[in-house]
Amino acid sequence: MKLHKYSITGLFFFIFLFACHRDSDKTSLLHRADSLMQEFPDSALAILESIPHVEKLSGSNRADYAIFLTRARTKMYIHESSDSLIRYAVDYYKRSWNDERKMQAYYYRGCVYRDMRCMDLAVKDFLQALKVIPKESEHLYLGAIYENLAGCYEEQNLYEDAMRAHHKAHEIYIKQKKDDGLFYAVRGIGYVFMLQHQLDSALVYYQEALDIAENIGEDYYKSLILGELGILYSEEGESQKANQYISASISSAPAGTSLFTEYLWKGRILRNLHQIDSARYYLNRSKSSPYIYNRGGSYGELYKLEKEEKNYPAVIEAADSFIYYLDSIYDTTKAVETAHLVDKYEIELYQQKLGGRYKIEVLLLLLFFIIGGTVYLLIDKSRKKKYLELQSQLMKNRTDILSGDIEGQDNSESDFIKMLEPSLKLCLQLFRRTEVYEKLLFLEKKMGVDVSLSIQEGQIICESIYETFGDIMLKLKIQHVDLTKEDLLHCAFFLLGCSKETILLCTRASEGAFKSRKSRMKIKLGEDFFEWMTTRQYLVL
């Protein structure tokens, strides 16, 4: 039986160790992914996607997994269609002291909402990320937050807000000396001017962005801004310049870059320049785009081109394809709008649920304080009642003494001690409720250590003892009429069990005077009673 019991215990211990080992492996993978994230997001994404049974993760590991995976997918330009994963991270970290993780959770949920076209929710999360961002995270995230805010404002046609956000990012990136971030901020300012049809101002900032791209020395940035300059010149009606910039954009693009949009614009520009064969070539290349907007635009331009050339079979073919993609775009737009409404409804439902949970938490907290306050008041009331009872009992004892009720009693030492002990007990109960008691206790504990006590503090202690032990002092005075006021004070100190050092500190007496008083009191009280009094240790009980 005992062997069976040990076997079961060992099995459970093995399972526990195995579970801990598995959790440790997952934690190390998360740390590995985090360390690779900035430089190698593709490798970080591969590590995160290799973690088995992520649904079993909990607590900080699950929240960190949500942040890291969303971050990796964002850096790889993979659009998100749901906030269910990153929402857990926000819920976990929003009440945490870890401001970096809290900021990341809000920031990446904002990125997800931007992908989902929920711009108002994205703006809220980006602003929340700004509120909690720690100083050490500003280098990586501060400019990016403002750039994302600007993008959201552009989608909402809030051009002044977008411009302010781009300028804020521009200011941050100049201080940080980050040319890549500065490129996007300057390009963003130019883009907002273009949206407002202020083409001359847009051109100034696009040219500045081109200079920054050339300083960076990476073809991707150069190709991107050259293409946008080509579009800008096309909008201004300068087709020759537009063709030069679009051609430069295509030729400078890194290998593997998707150029279907550039092909569409080059075909359109070449049509305007009446270079029909070249225009047809680029528009046919643009038809191969995986995006229906590019395909639809290509067929629309081919329709115009073939119509101008009076190539009617090609016109009919292009028109049929254009109408087909136009319907597809309409259906896709409707589907996106429907999905957006569904997502927004689910998010609002979730926020209502959170609001309800918050109300419950507030009510529970309020109830806790009410119950705690009630209990405190009851305890305080009971304490005060006890205190009043003790004071009442002491007053009764004093009245009995003063009225002569104890005159007929036998005043032998043993009887006197028996009569004194109940009153002493009451006085001690009262005294332990005072700050003076705590002060005396502190002095006793620090015995042998160099401590000081001001004259005023010593007087307060003595006055408190006179007040609290007045009943004891009265009985002692009746029993031993030759005791002085100072003798009675020392009696109280002795009954409490105070050391010589503490008594000298409180009374400001010299050691010689203390010894003389002690000898006189021994004679006045008698050896037996004096010995009983000086062996009490009520202070430390």
Protein backbone atom coordinates (compact mmCIF):
# COMPACT_ATOMS: atom_id res chain seq x y z
CA MET A 1 0.00 0.00 0.00
CA LYS A 2 2.81 2.38 0.94
CA LEU A 3 4.68 1.48 -2.28
CA HIS A 4 1.53 2.20 -4.30
CA LYS A 5 1.19 5.58 -2.58
CA TYR A 6 4.82 6.48 -3.37
CA SER A 7 4.34 5.43 -7.00
CA ILE A 8 1.34 7.75 -7.42
CA THR A 9 3.25 10.62 -5.77
CA GLY A 10 6.22 10.02 -8.05
CA LEU A 11 3.99 9.96 -11.12
CA PHE A 12 2.39 13.29 -10.21
CA PHE A 13 5.85 14.77 -9.53
CA PHE A 14 7.07 13.58 -12.95
CA ILE A 15 4.01 15.09 -14.68
CA PHE A 16 4.61 18.38 -12.84
CA LEU A 17 8.27 18.47 -13.90
CA PHE A 18 7.31 17.63 -17.49
CA ALA A 19 4.72 20.43 -17.57
CA CYS A 20 7.23 22.89 -16.13
CA HIS A 21 9.78 21.82 -18.75
CA ARG A 22 7.24 22.32 -21.56
CA ASP A 23 6.32 25.78 -20.23
CA SER A 24 10.01 26.65 -19.92
CA ASP A 25 10.57 25.64 -23.57
CA LYS A 26 7.71 27.87 -24.73
CA THR A 27 8.99 30.78 -22.65
CA SER A 28 12.48 30.44 -24.14
CA LEU A 29 10.99 30.40 -27.66
CA LEU A 30 9.08 33.59 -26.87
CA HIS A 31 12.27 35.27 -25.63
CA ARG A 32 14.12 34.07 -28.73
CA ALA A 33 11.43 35.50 -31.02
CA ASP A 34 11.48 38.80 -29.14
CA SER A 35 15.26 39.12 -29.52
CA LEU A 36 15.03 38.59 -33.31
CA MET A 37 11.96 40.79 -33.87
CA GLN A 38 13.58 44.12 -34.72
CA GLU A 39 16.20 42.85 -37.19
CA PHE A 40 14.66 39.60 -38.47
CA PRO A 41 10.85 39.71 -38.18
CA ASP A 42 10.46 36.83 -40.64
CA SER A 43 12.56 34.55 -38.41
CA ALA A 44 10.66 35.72 -35.33
CA LEU A 45 7.36 34.94 -37.07
CA ALA A 46 8.59 31.45 -38.00
CA ILE A 47 9.57 30.75 -34.37
CA LEU A 48 6.22 31.98 -33.05
CA GLU A 49 4.27 29.91 -35.56
CA SER A 50 6.30 26.83 -34.54
CA ILE A 51 5.19 26.98 -30.89
CA PRO A 52 2.85 24.01 -30.30
CA HIS A 53 -0.50 24.20 -28.50
CA VAL A 54 -0.49 27.97 -28.09
CA GLU A 55 -4.08 27.71 -26.85
CA LYS A 56 -2.66 26.21 -23.63
CA LEU A 57 -0.56 29.29 -22.92
CA SER A 58 -1.81 31.42 -20.05
CA GLY A 59 -1.01 34.58 -18.13
CA SER A 60 1.95 36.66 -19.28
CA ASN A 61 3.14 34.02 -21.77
CA ARG A 62 -0.17 34.12 -23.63
CA ALA A 63 -0.26 37.93 -23.56
CA ASP A 64 3.36 38.17 -24.79
CA TYR A 65 2.66 35.62 -27.53
CA ALA A 66 -0.26 37.77 -28.72
CA ILE A 67 1.91 40.92 -28.77
CA PHE A 68 4.90 39.25 -30.46
CA LEU A 69 2.83 37.50 -33.16
CA THR A 70 0.89 40.68 -33.98
CA ARG A 71 4.14 42.66 -34.04
CA ALA A 72 5.82 40.18 -36.39
CA ARG A 73 2.82 40.10 -38.74
CA THR A 74 2.64 43.91 -38.72
CA LYS A 75 6.34 44.21 -39.59
CA MET A 76 5.82 41.70 -42.42
CA TYR A 77 2.85 43.77 -43.73
CA ILE A 78 0.40 40.92 -43.11
CA HIS A 79 -3.03 42.44 -42.55
CA GLU A 80 -5.11 41.27 -39.61
CA SER A 81 -8.84 40.60 -39.85
CA SER A 82 -9.64 40.02 -36.15
CA ASP A 83 -8.68 41.56 -32.81
CA SER A 84 -9.39 38.43 -30.74
CA LEU A 85 -5.70 37.57 -30.20
CA ILE A 86 -4.31 41.00 -29.31
CA ARG A 87 -7.39 41.79 -27.23
CA TYR A 88 -6.20 39.25 -24.62
CA ALA A 89 -2.89 41.12 -24.28
CA VAL A 90 -4.70 44.43 -23.72
CA ASP A 91 -6.98 42.87 -21.09
CA TYR A 92 -3.99 41.28 -19.33
CA TYR A 93 -1.65 44.29 -19.28
CA LYS A 94 -4.05 47.25 -18.96
CA ARG A 95 -3.86 47.09 -15.13
CA SER A 96 -0.25 45.99 -15.02
CA TRP A 97 2.75 48.01 -13.83
CA ASN A 98 4.64 46.85 -16.96
CA ASP A 99 4.22 50.02 -19.03
CA GLU A 100 6.25 48.71 -21.97
CA ARG A 101 4.00 45.69 -22.50
CA LYS A 102 0.90 47.81 -21.82
CA MET A 103 1.98 50.31 -24.48
CA GLN A 104 2.79 47.53 -26.97
CA ALA A 105 -0.61 45.89 -26.41
CA TYR A 106 -2.47 49.14 -27.13
CA TYR A 107 -0.22 50.05 -30.06
CA TYR A 108 -0.54 46.72 -31.86
CA ARG A 109 -4.27 46.53 -31.23
CA GLY A 110 -4.42 49.97 -32.85
CA CYS A 111 -2.55 48.54 -35.85
CA VAL A 112 -5.04 45.65 -36.03
CA TYR A 113 -8.01 48.05 -35.88
CA ARG A 114 -6.40 50.09 -38.67
CA ASP A 115 -6.18 46.93 -40.80
CA MET A 116 -9.84 46.25 -39.98
CA ARG A 117 -10.74 49.81 -41.09
CA CYS A 118 -12.01 50.65 -37.58
CA MET A 119 -10.23 54.00 -37.56
CA ASP A 120 -12.01 55.51 -34.56
CA LEU A 121 -11.02 52.53 -32.38
CA ALA A 122 -7.48 52.57 -33.77
CA VAL A 123 -7.12 56.26 -32.85
CA LYS A 124 -8.26 55.54 -29.28
CA ASP A 125 -5.67 52.79 -28.86
CA PHE A 126 -2.83 54.84 -30.38
CA LEU A 127 -3.66 57.74 -28.04
CA GLN A 128 -3.75 55.31 -25.09
CA ALA A 129 -0.33 53.98 -26.13
CA LEU A 130 0.98 57.56 -26.07
CA LYS A 131 -0.27 57.98 -22.49
CA VAL A 132 1.58 54.96 -21.11
CA ILE A 133 4.72 54.79 -23.29
CA PRO A 134 7.83 54.53 -21.06
CA LYS A 135 10.89 56.67 -21.79
CA GLU A 136 13.02 53.68 -22.81
CA SER A 137 10.50 52.65 -25.52
CA GLU A 138 10.19 56.07 -27.19
CA HIS A 139 13.09 55.42 -29.60
CA LEU A 140 11.25 52.52 -31.25
CA TYR A 141 7.60 53.48 -30.90
CA LEU A 142 6.95 57.20 -30.39
CA GLY A 143 7.36 58.28 -34.02
CA ALA A 144 5.56 55.17 -35.28
CA ILE A 145 2.54 55.91 -33.08
CA TYR A 146 2.24 59.44 -34.52
CA GLU A 147 2.64 58.13 -38.09
CA ASN A 148 -0.13 55.59 -37.53
CA LEU A 149 -2.33 58.28 -36.02
CA ALA A 150 -1.72 60.40 -39.13
CA GLY A 151 -2.74 57.47 -41.36
CA CYS A 152 -5.99 57.03 -39.42
CA TYR A 153 -6.77 60.75 -39.65
CA GLU A 154 -6.15 60.66 -43.42
CA GLU A 155 -8.68 57.84 -43.80
CA GLN A 156 -11.21 59.94 -41.85
CA ASN A 157 -10.48 63.05 -44.00
CA LEU A 158 -9.19 64.86 -40.89
CA TYR A 159 -6.35 66.50 -42.80
CA GLU A 160 -5.37 69.09 -40.18
CA ASP A 161 -5.06 66.39 -37.50
CA ALA A 162 -3.11 64.21 -39.94
CA MET A 163 -0.75 67.08 -40.73
CA ARG A 164 -0.12 67.76 -37.02
CA ALA A 165 0.63 64.08 -36.39
CA HIS A 166 3.07 63.91 -39.36
CA HIS A 167 4.84 67.08 -38.15
CA LYS A 168 5.11 65.61 -34.63
CA ALA A 169 6.64 62.44 -36.07
CA HIS A 170 8.96 64.61 -38.20
CA GLU A 171 10.15 66.45 -35.08
CA ILE A 172 10.73 63.17 -33.21
CA TYR A 173 12.68 61.52 -36.04
CA ILE A 174 14.93 64.58 -36.44
CA LYS A 175 15.82 64.40 -32.72
CA GLN A 176 16.38 60.64 -32.98
CA LYS A 177 18.35 61.02 -36.26
CA LYS A 178 16.34 58.20 -37.86
CA ASP A 179 16.35 58.77 -41.62
CA ASP A 180 13.93 55.95 -42.43
CA GLY A 181 11.31 57.37 -40.06
CA LEU A 182 12.01 60.89 -41.31
CA PHE A 183 11.41 59.70 -44.88
CA TYR A 184 7.91 58.45 -44.04
CA ALA A 185 7.05 61.60 -42.05
CA VAL A 186 8.09 63.97 -44.89
CA ARG A 187 6.40 61.76 -47.50
CA GLY A 188 3.26 61.76 -45.31
CA ILE A 189 3.18 65.57 -45.17
CA GLY A 190 3.45 65.69 -48.97
CA TYR A 191 0.70 63.09 -49.32
CA VAL A 192 -1.70 65.13 -47.14
CA PHE A 193 -1.01 68.19 -49.30
CA MET A 194 -1.77 66.10 -52.39
CA LEU A 195 -5.05 64.88 -50.85
CA GLN A 196 -5.98 68.54 -50.39
CA HIS A 197 -5.00 69.25 -54.05
CA GLN A 198 -2.18 71.57 -52.92
CA LEU A 199 0.15 70.06 -55.51
CA ASP A 200 2.93 72.68 -55.33
CA SER A 201 3.33 72.15 -51.56
CA ALA A 202 3.14 68.38 -52.04
CA LEU A 203 5.93 68.59 -54.64
CA VAL A 204 8.23 70.42 -52.19
CA TYR A 205 7.90 67.67 -49.56
CA TYR A 206 8.14 64.84 -52.10
CA GLN A 207 11.42 66.32 -53.37
CA GLU A 208 12.68 66.50 -49.78
CA ALA A 209 11.64 62.87 -49.26
CA LEU A 210 13.59 61.94 -52.43
CA ASP A 211 16.72 63.62 -51.01
CA ILE A 212 16.31 61.65 -47.77
CA ALA A 213 15.83 58.41 -49.74
CA GLU A 214 19.08 59.04 -51.65
CA ASN A 215 20.89 59.67 -48.34
CA ILE A 216 19.55 56.40 -46.95
CA GLY A 217 20.88 54.63 -50.05
CA GLU A 218 18.21 51.91 -50.24
CA ASP A 219 16.47 51.39 -53.58
CA TYR A 220 13.11 50.62 -51.97
CA TYR A 221 12.70 54.15 -50.56
CA LYS A 222 13.92 55.75 -53.78
CA SER A 223 11.58 53.69 -55.97
CA LEU A 224 8.61 54.44 -53.72
CA ILE A 225 8.97 58.23 -53.77
CA LEU A 226 9.88 58.36 -57.48
CA GLY A 227 6.62 56.57 -58.26
CA GLU A 228 4.63 59.02 -56.17
CA LEU A 229 6.38 61.96 -57.84
CA GLY A 230 5.36 60.49 -61.19
CA ILE A 231 1.72 60.29 -60.04
CA LEU A 232 1.92 63.89 -58.76
CA TYR A 233 3.24 65.21 -62.10
CA SER A 234 0.57 63.20 -63.89
CA GLU A 235 -2.09 64.91 -61.75
CA GLU A 236 -0.56 68.27 -62.74
CA GLY A 237 -0.81 67.31 -66.43
CA GLU A 238 2.98 67.15 -66.96
CA SER A 239 3.02 63.76 -68.68
CA GLN A 240 6.66 63.91 -69.86
CA LYS A 241 7.99 64.47 -66.33
CA ALA A 242 5.51 61.94 -64.96
CA ASN A 243 6.82 59.33 -67.44
CA GLN A 244 10.42 60.04 -66.45
CA TYR A 245 9.72 59.58 -62.74
CA ILE A 246 7.56 56.47 -63.19
CA SER A 247 10.24 54.91 -65.42
CA ALA A 248 12.90 55.75 -62.81
CA SER A 249 10.72 54.19 -60.11
CA ILE A 250 10.35 50.94 -62.07
CA SER A 251 14.05 50.71 -62.96
CA SER A 252 15.25 51.43 -59.39
CA ALA A 253 12.86 49.02 -57.64
CA PRO A 254 14.57 46.14 -55.78
CA ALA A 255 14.15 42.64 -57.20
CA GLY A 256 10.86 41.03 -56.19
CA THR A 257 9.02 44.34 -55.69
CA SER A 258 5.38 44.34 -56.82
CA LEU A 259 5.14 46.97 -59.59
CA PHE A 260 1.59 46.43 -60.89
CA THR A 261 0.46 49.89 -59.71
CA GLU A 262 3.46 51.52 -61.42
CA TYR A 263 2.67 49.60 -64.64
CA LEU A 264 -0.91 50.88 -64.55
CA TRP A 265 0.22 54.49 -64.08
CA LYS A 266 2.91 54.18 -66.76
CA GLY A 267 0.35 52.77 -69.20
CA ARG A 268 -2.02 55.64 -68.42
CA ILE A 269 0.74 58.26 -68.82
CA LEU A 270 1.97 56.71 -72.09
CA ARG A 271 -1.61 56.76 -73.44
CA ASN A 272 -1.72 60.48 -72.68
CA LEU A 273 1.58 60.81 -74.60
CA HIS A 274 0.03 58.85 -77.52
CA GLN A 275 2.64 56.09 -77.26
CA ILE A 276 -0.03 53.49 -77.92
CA ASP A 277 1.99 50.27 -78.26
CA SER A 278 4.03 50.99 -75.13
CA ALA A 279 0.88 51.97 -73.21
CA ARG A 280 -0.85 48.74 -74.30
CA TYR A 281 2.22 46.73 -73.19
CA TYR A 282 2.25 48.16 -69.64
CA LEU A 283 -1.53 47.99 -69.23
CA ASN A 284 -1.47 44.31 -70.25
CA ARG A 285 1.26 43.69 -67.66
CA SER A 286 -0.86 45.45 -65.02
CA LYS A 287 -3.76 43.06 -65.79
CA SER A 288 -1.79 40.28 -64.08
CA SER A 289 -2.04 42.01 -60.71
CA PRO A 290 -3.51 39.92 -57.86
CA TYR A 291 -5.53 42.98 -56.80
CA ILE A 292 -8.89 43.49 -58.51
CA TYR A 293 -8.55 47.28 -58.25
CA ASN A 294 -5.44 47.18 -60.46
CA ARG A 295 -7.04 44.71 -62.87
CA GLY A 296 -10.22 46.78 -63.11
CA GLY A 297 -8.20 49.98 -63.64
CA SER A 298 -6.11 48.29 -66.35
CA TYR A 299 -9.18 47.20 -68.32
CA GLY A 300 -10.69 50.68 -67.91
CA GLU A 301 -7.56 52.27 -69.42
CA LEU A 302 -7.43 49.63 -72.19
CA TYR A 303 -11.06 50.40 -73.01
CA LYS A 304 -10.19 54.10 -73.46
CA LEU A 305 -7.06 53.28 -75.49
CA GLU A 306 -8.76 50.81 -77.87
CA LYS A 307 -11.73 53.15 -78.29
CA GLU A 308 -9.37 55.96 -79.34
CA GLU A 309 -7.75 53.52 -81.79
CA LYS A 310 -11.20 52.37 -83.03
CA ASN A 311 -10.25 48.75 -82.35
CA TYR A 312 -13.83 47.74 -81.58
CA PRO A 313 -13.39 43.99 -80.88
CA ALA A 314 -10.74 44.93 -78.30
CA VAL A 315 -13.03 47.71 -77.00
CA ILE A 316 -15.86 45.21 -76.42
CA GLU A 317 -13.51 42.74 -74.71
CA ALA A 318 -12.03 45.45 -72.46
CA ALA A 319 -15.51 46.83 -71.66
CA ASP A 320 -16.81 43.38 -70.68
CA SER A 321 -13.82 42.76 -68.42
CA PHE A 322 -14.04 46.25 -66.94
CA ILE A 323 -17.74 45.78 -66.09
CA TYR A 324 -16.97 42.35 -64.60
CA TYR A 325 -14.27 43.75 -62.32
CA LEU A 326 -16.40 46.77 -61.52
CA ASP A 327 -19.11 44.41 -60.25
CA SER A 328 -16.48 42.41 -58.35
CA ILE A 329 -15.13 45.58 -56.78
CA TYR A 330 -18.66 46.58 -55.80
CA ASP A 331 -19.34 43.13 -54.29
CA THR A 332 -15.98 43.15 -52.52
CA THR A 333 -16.61 46.63 -51.17
CA LYS A 334 -20.03 45.59 -49.91
CA ALA A 335 -18.53 42.46 -48.33
CA VAL A 336 -15.80 44.54 -46.70
CA GLU A 337 -18.37 47.04 -45.42
CA THR A 338 -20.52 44.19 -44.07
CA ALA A 339 -17.51 42.56 -42.41
CA HIS A 340 -16.52 45.95 -41.03
CA LEU A 341 -20.01 46.43 -39.55
CA VAL A 342 -19.92 42.91 -38.06
CA ASP A 343 -16.46 43.54 -36.59
CA LYS A 344 -17.57 46.88 -35.22
CA TYR A 345 -20.67 45.29 -33.69
CA GLU A 346 -18.58 42.54 -32.06
CA ILE A 347 -16.11 45.12 -30.74
CA GLU A 348 -18.90 47.28 -29.33
CA LEU A 349 -20.47 44.17 -27.78
CA TYR A 350 -17.13 43.31 -26.20
CA GLN A 351 -16.71 46.88 -24.92
CA GLN A 352 -20.21 46.75 -23.42
CA LYS A 353 -19.27 43.49 -21.75
CA LEU A 354 -16.11 45.09 -20.40
CA GLY A 355 -18.14 48.07 -19.21
CA GLY A 356 -20.53 45.74 -17.39
CA ARG A 357 -17.63 43.88 -15.82
CA TYR A 358 -16.07 47.19 -14.76
CA LYS A 359 -19.35 48.28 -13.13
CA ILE A 360 -19.52 44.97 -11.23
CA GLU A 361 -15.90 45.39 -10.08
CA VAL A 362 -16.61 48.96 -8.92
CA LEU A 363 -19.74 47.83 -7.06
CA LEU A 364 -17.84 44.95 -5.42
CA LEU A 365 -15.04 47.33 -4.43
CA LEU A 366 -17.58 49.79 -3.04
CA LEU A 367 -19.31 46.97 -1.15
CA PHE A 368 -15.94 45.85 0.24
CA PHE A 369 -15.22 49.37 1.53
CA ILE A 370 -18.71 49.64 3.03
CA ILE A 371 -18.34 46.28 4.82
CA GLY A 372 -14.78 47.14 5.88
CA GLY A 373 -15.90 50.55 7.15
CA THR A 374 -18.82 49.01 9.04
CA VAL A 375 -16.57 46.39 10.66
CA TYR A 376 -14.06 49.10 11.59
CA LEU A 377 -16.79 51.27 13.13
CA LEU A 378 -18.14 48.30 15.09
CA ILE A 379 -14.66 47.42 16.37
CA ASP A 380 -13.98 51.08 17.19
CA LYS A 381 -17.33 51.34 18.97
CA SER A 382 -16.57 48.19 20.96
CA ARG A 383 -13.11 49.53 21.84
CA LYS A 384 -14.52 52.86 22.98
CA LYS A 385 -17.19 51.07 25.00
CA LYS A 386 -14.52 48.96 26.68
CA TYR A 387 -12.45 52.08 27.33
CA LEU A 388 -15.42 53.85 28.92
CA GLU A 389 -16.16 50.78 31.05
CA LEU A 390 -12.56 50.75 32.28
CA GLN A 391 -12.69 54.46 33.08
CA SER A 392 -16.03 53.99 34.84
CA GLN A 393 -14.61 51.14 36.92
CA LEU A 394 -11.61 53.25 37.88
CA MET A 395 -13.83 56.17 38.87
CA LYS A 396 -15.94 53.81 41.01
CA ASN A 397 -12.81 52.52 42.72
CA ARG A 398 -11.67 56.07 43.44
CA THR A 399 -15.11 56.97 44.77
CA ASP A 400 -15.05 53.91 47.04
CA ILE A 401 -11.67 54.94 48.37
CA LEU A 402 -12.64 58.55 48.94
CA SER A 403 -15.95 57.61 50.59
CA GLY A 404 -14.13 55.42 53.09
CA ASP A 405 -15.59 52.11 51.90
CA ILE A 406 -12.24 50.41 52.35
CA GLU A 407 -11.46 51.86 55.78
CA GLY A 408 -12.78 48.84 57.54
CA GLN A 409 -10.67 46.43 55.52
CA ASP A 410 -7.59 44.68 56.85
CA ASN A 411 -4.59 46.56 55.56
CA SER A 412 -2.07 43.69 55.77
CA GLU A 413 0.40 43.52 52.88
CA SER A 414 -1.12 40.37 51.37
CA ASP A 415 -4.65 41.80 51.48
CA PHE A 416 -3.44 45.10 50.11
CA ILE A 417 -1.74 43.37 47.18
CA LYS A 418 -4.95 41.41 46.46
CA MET A 419 -6.94 44.64 46.56
CA LEU A 420 -4.37 46.43 44.36
CA GLU A 421 -4.12 43.84 41.56
CA PRO A 422 -7.64 44.32 40.01
CA SER A 423 -7.12 48.09 39.86
CA LEU A 424 -3.64 47.56 38.45
CA LYS A 425 -5.08 45.31 35.75
CA LEU A 426 -7.62 48.00 34.76
CA CYS A 427 -4.97 50.71 34.68
CA LEU A 428 -2.70 48.56 32.52
CA GLN A 429 -5.50 47.89 30.03
CA LEU A 430 -6.03 51.62 29.67
CA PHE A 431 -2.31 52.37 29.51
CA ARG A 432 -1.69 49.86 26.69
CA ARG A 433 -4.06 51.89 24.49
CA THR A 434 -1.87 55.01 24.73
CA GLU A 435 1.06 56.20 22.59
CA VAL A 436 3.12 56.56 25.78
CA TYR A 437 2.99 52.79 26.27
CA GLU A 438 4.46 52.30 22.76
CA LYS A 439 7.15 54.87 23.53
CA LEU A 440 8.16 53.13 26.78
CA LEU A 441 8.18 49.79 25.01
CA PHE A 442 10.48 51.26 22.35
CA LEU A 443 12.86 52.62 25.02
CA GLU A 444 13.00 49.23 26.74
CA LYS A 445 13.76 47.42 23.49
CA LYS A 446 16.56 49.90 22.72
CA MET A 447 18.16 49.34 26.14
CA GLY A 448 21.93 49.44 25.79
CA VAL A 449 21.70 51.52 22.62
CA ASP A 450 22.40 55.24 22.69
CA VAL A 451 18.88 56.74 22.61
CA SER A 452 17.74 60.23 23.54
CA LEU A 453 14.53 61.64 24.98
CA SER A 454 13.66 65.32 25.05
CA ILE A 455 12.54 67.05 28.28
CA GLN A 456 9.08 67.57 26.77
CA GLU A 457 8.76 63.89 25.83
CA GLY A 458 9.79 62.86 29.35
CA GLN A 459 7.18 65.20 30.88
CA ILE A 460 4.46 63.79 28.58
CA ILE A 461 5.32 60.22 29.69
CA CYS A 462 5.24 61.16 33.39
CA GLU A 463 1.95 63.07 33.04
CA SER A 464 0.35 60.15 31.22
CA ILE A 465 1.44 57.76 34.00
CA TYR A 466 0.08 60.11 36.68
CA GLU A 467 -3.24 60.29 34.82
CA THR A 468 -3.61 56.59 34.03
CA PHE A 469 -2.29 55.16 37.31
CA GLY A 470 -4.00 57.72 39.56
CA ASP A 471 -6.18 55.00 41.15
CA ILE A 472 -3.11 52.92 42.07
CA MET A 473 -1.29 55.97 43.40
CA LEU A 474 -4.31 56.91 45.54
CA LYS A 475 -4.44 53.45 47.13
CA LEU A 476 -0.68 53.48 47.72
CA LYS A 477 -0.93 56.93 49.31
CA ILE A 478 -3.72 55.74 51.67
CA GLN A 479 -1.74 52.62 52.60
CA HIS A 480 1.59 54.47 52.90
CA VAL A 481 0.88 58.10 53.76
CA ASP A 482 4.53 59.20 53.80
CA LEU A 483 5.02 58.54 50.04
CA THR A 484 5.68 61.71 48.02
CA LYS A 485 4.33 62.47 44.53
CA GLU A 486 7.68 61.50 42.99
CA ASP A 487 7.69 58.28 45.06
CA LEU A 488 4.26 57.37 43.63
CA LEU A 489 5.53 58.02 40.08
CA HIS A 490 8.47 55.69 40.68
CA CYS A 491 6.07 53.07 42.10
CA ALA A 492 4.20 53.14 38.76
CA PHE A 493 7.47 52.80 36.83
CA PHE A 494 8.47 49.82 39.02
CA LEU A 495 5.07 48.14 38.60
CA LEU A 496 5.42 48.47 34.82
CA GLY A 497 8.83 46.80 35.01
CA CYS A 498 10.76 49.75 33.55
CA SER A 499 14.55 49.57 33.67
CA LYS A 500 16.69 52.05 35.60
CA GLU A 501 17.88 53.61 32.30
CA THR A 502 14.31 54.26 31.12
CA ILE A 503 13.28 55.80 34.47
CA LEU A 504 16.32 58.09 34.47
CA LEU A 505 15.57 59.20 30.88
CA CYS A 506 11.96 60.06 31.74
CA THR A 507 12.50 61.75 35.13
CA ARG A 508 15.81 63.48 34.30
CA ALA A 509 17.16 62.36 37.73
CA SER A 510 20.78 61.47 38.40
CA GLU A 511 21.82 57.90 39.13
CA GLY A 512 22.78 58.83 42.71
CA ALA A 513 19.40 60.48 43.37
CA PHE A 514 17.67 57.41 41.93
CA LYS A 515 19.55 55.06 44.30
CA SER A 516 18.76 57.25 47.32
CA ARG A 517 15.04 57.39 46.40
CA LYS A 518 14.96 53.64 45.93
CA SER A 519 16.46 53.08 49.39
CA ARG A 520 13.98 55.46 51.03
CA MET A 521 11.03 53.84 49.25
CA LYS A 522 12.16 50.41 50.42
CA ILE A 523 11.95 51.63 54.01
CA LYS A 524 8.58 53.35 53.52
CA LEU A 525 6.92 50.40 51.72
CA GLY A 526 8.54 47.54 53.55
CA GLU A 527 10.91 45.00 52.05
CA ASP A 528 8.26 42.40 51.05
CA PHE A 529 5.95 44.82 49.25
CA PHE A 530 8.91 46.64 47.64
CA GLU A 531 10.29 43.35 46.34
CA TRP A 532 6.84 42.38 44.97
CA MET A 533 6.51 45.77 43.26
CA THR A 534 9.98 45.79 41.65
CA THR A 535 9.65 42.28 40.19
CA ARG A 536 6.60 43.14 38.02
CA GLN A 537 7.08 43.00 34.24
CA TYR A 538 3.75 44.36 33.02
CA LEU A 539 5.32 46.54 30.35
CA VAL A 540 6.54 43.64 28.24
CA LEU A 541 3.70 41.22 28.85
